[in-house]
């Protein structure tokens, strides 16, 4: 991987190749007898806490969205072993990391506007409450007059 292989996600969000560390491990997925001999699964580590290409807001949201995949030090670990080749698993891990950071880079939703219930809905709610109250009052003991 060369220095030109930066992953551009948004205008100000970039993943530098120096921030990624790949380790190849034995996969538990498909591969037949080959699965016991060749390390095809990839373990991709991305140091999100110290990544210079992430703004502070995106950095915090990325670690939060990673959940169990993030360590206490802010390193995100993604394991990919779906495919039989290292190249496919490497591309899969990078795609999953890119999707995670892209989701964290999305702008926050607009704040919710407070609304009041309409007069009719308040009246309907109070009417049904009084109706239920009447039904429950009628469930009492029957007088033996």
Protein backbone atom coordinates (compact mmCIF):
# COMPACT_ATOMS: atom_id res chain seq x y z
CA UNK A 1 0.00 0.00 0.00
CA UNK A 2 1.50 3.31 -1.04
CA UNK A 3 1.09 6.75 0.51
CA UNK A 4 -1.34 7.69 -2.28
CA UNK A 5 -3.88 5.10 -1.09
CA UNK A 6 -5.68 7.50 1.22
CA UNK A 7 -9.35 6.66 1.75
CA UNK A 8 -11.46 9.77 1.22
CA UNK A 9 -14.82 9.63 2.99
CA UNK A 10 -16.03 13.24 3.13
CA UNK A 11 -14.58 16.70 2.53
CA UNK A 12 -12.51 16.81 5.71
CA UNK A 13 -12.52 13.09 6.62
CA UNK A 14 -9.57 11.03 5.37
CA UNK A 15 -8.10 7.72 6.51
CA UNK A 16 -4.34 7.65 6.02
CA UNK A 17 -2.71 4.29 5.24
CA UNK A 18 -0.27 4.82 8.13
CA UNK A 19 -3.19 4.60 10.58
CA UNK A 20 -4.10 1.08 9.43
CA UNK A 21 -2.41 -2.10 10.68
CA UNK A 22 -3.30 -5.44 9.07
CA UNK A 23 -2.60 -8.84 10.59
CA UNK A 24 -3.51 -12.04 8.81
CA UNK A 25 -4.89 -14.83 10.93
CA UNK A 26 -6.38 -18.24 10.29
CA UNK A 27 -9.97 -18.06 9.25
CA UNK A 28 -12.82 -20.18 10.58
CA UNK A 29 -14.88 -19.61 7.45
CA UNK A 30 -14.91 -21.39 4.07
CA UNK A 31 -11.76 -22.83 2.59
CA UNK A 32 -11.84 -26.61 2.97
CA UNK A 33 -8.55 -28.22 3.97
CA UNK A 34 -6.78 -25.01 3.01
CA UNK A 35 -8.30 -23.22 6.02
CA UNK A 36 -5.92 -25.06 8.37
CA UNK A 37 -2.79 -24.07 6.44
CA UNK A 38 -3.21 -20.50 5.17
CA UNK A 39 -3.94 -17.32 7.14
CA UNK A 40 -6.62 -15.73 4.96
CA UNK A 41 -8.65 -13.75 7.50
CA UNK A 42 -7.57 -10.19 8.15
CA UNK A 43 -7.60 -8.30 11.43
CA UNK A 44 -7.66 -4.59 10.58
CA UNK A 45 -6.69 -2.15 13.35
CA UNK A 46 -7.47 1.54 12.99
CA UNK A 47 -6.23 3.95 15.66
CA UNK A 48 -9.23 6.29 15.59
CA UNK A 49 -8.23 8.16 18.75
CA UNK A 50 -4.96 9.38 17.19
CA UNK A 51 -5.96 9.57 13.50
CA UNK A 52 -5.00 12.99 12.09
CA UNK A 53 -7.51 12.74 9.21
CA UNK A 54 -10.57 12.70 11.47
CA UNK A 55 -12.16 15.82 12.97
CA UNK A 56 -12.92 15.62 16.70
CA UNK A 57 -16.68 15.14 16.25
CA UNK A 58 -16.21 12.32 13.73
CA UNK A 59 -13.53 10.70 15.91
CA UNK A 60 -15.83 10.54 18.94
CA UNK A 61 -18.82 9.26 16.95
CA UNK A 62 -16.69 6.63 15.20
CA UNK A 63 -15.49 5.18 18.50
CA UNK A 64 -19.02 5.31 19.89
CA UNK A 65 -20.53 3.59 16.83
CA UNK A 66 -17.82 0.91 16.85
CA UNK A 67 -19.10 -0.33 20.20
CA UNK A 68 -17.47 -3.67 21.12
CA UNK A 69 -15.03 -3.37 18.21
CA UNK A 70 -13.29 -0.39 19.86
CA UNK A 71 -10.69 -0.84 22.60
CA UNK A 72 -10.27 1.45 25.61
CA UNK A 73 -7.41 3.18 23.78
CA UNK A 74 -9.66 4.11 20.83
CA UNK A 75 -8.34 1.45 18.44
CA UNK A 76 -11.04 -0.08 16.23
CA UNK A 77 -10.50 -3.77 15.41
CA UNK A 78 -12.35 -5.26 12.44
CA UNK A 79 -12.00 -8.95 11.62
CA UNK A 80 -12.95 -10.13 8.14
CA UNK A 81 -12.89 -13.80 7.23
CA UNK A 82 -15.89 -14.27 4.94
CA UNK A 83 -13.89 -14.99 1.83
CA UNK A 84 -11.24 -17.54 0.87
CA UNK A 85 -8.55 -15.07 -0.20
CA UNK A 86 -6.59 -12.43 1.65
CA UNK A 87 -7.36 -9.82 -1.02
CA UNK A 88 -11.13 -10.24 -0.69
CA UNK A 89 -10.99 -10.20 3.10
CA UNK A 90 -8.73 -7.13 3.08
CA UNK A 91 -11.15 -5.29 0.78
CA UNK A 92 -14.09 -6.39 2.94
CA UNK A 93 -12.45 -5.11 6.15
CA UNK A 94 -11.60 -1.77 4.53
CA UNK A 95 -15.14 -1.42 3.16
CA UNK A 96 -16.60 -2.07 6.61
CA UNK A 97 -14.25 0.49 8.19
CA UNK A 98 -15.12 3.04 5.49
CA UNK A 99 -18.84 2.48 6.06
CA UNK A 100 -18.41 2.93 9.82
CA UNK A 101 -16.49 6.20 9.46
CA UNK A 102 -18.90 7.45 6.77
CA UNK A 103 -21.84 6.85 9.11
CA UNK A 104 -20.01 8.75 11.86
CA UNK A 105 -19.29 11.63 9.45
CA UNK A 106 -22.96 12.18 8.61
CA UNK A 107 -24.32 15.47 9.96
CA UNK A 108 -26.50 15.19 13.05
CA UNK A 109 -30.27 15.22 12.50
CA UNK A 110 -32.07 18.54 12.95
CA UNK A 111 -33.39 19.14 16.47
CA UNK A 112 -36.96 18.07 17.13
CA UNK A 113 -39.57 20.83 17.21
CA UNK A 114 -41.82 20.69 20.24
CA UNK A 115 -45.51 20.51 19.36
CA UNK A 116 -48.64 20.72 21.46
CA UNK A 117 -51.51 18.25 21.18
CA UNK A 118 -54.59 19.60 19.42
CA UNK A 119 -57.66 20.55 21.41
CA UNK A 120 -59.65 17.72 19.84
CA UNK A 121 -57.06 15.07 20.74
CA UNK A 122 -56.98 16.30 24.36
CA UNK A 123 -60.78 16.12 24.55
CA UNK A 124 -60.84 12.60 23.05
CA UNK A 125 -58.21 11.40 25.53
CA UNK A 126 -60.11 12.84 28.51
CA UNK A 127 -63.39 11.35 27.25
CA UNK A 128 -61.90 7.84 26.98
CA UNK A 129 -60.32 8.22 30.43
CA UNK A 130 -63.64 9.12 32.00
CA UNK A 131 -65.29 6.23 30.15
CA UNK A 132 -62.74 3.76 31.53
CA UNK A 133 -63.22 5.25 34.99
CA UNK A 134 -66.97 4.68 34.79
CA UNK A 135 -66.48 1.06 33.69
CA UNK A 136 -64.14 0.40 36.61
CA UNK A 137 -66.52 2.01 39.11
CA UNK A 138 -69.31 -0.32 37.91
CA UNK A 139 -67.14 -3.35 38.73
CA UNK A 140 -67.72 -2.86 42.48
CA UNK A 141 -69.92 -5.00 44.77
CA UNK A 142 -73.57 -5.35 43.93
CA UNK A 143 -75.88 -4.12 46.70
CA UNK A 144 -78.53 -6.69 47.77
CA UNK A 145 -81.54 -4.33 47.94
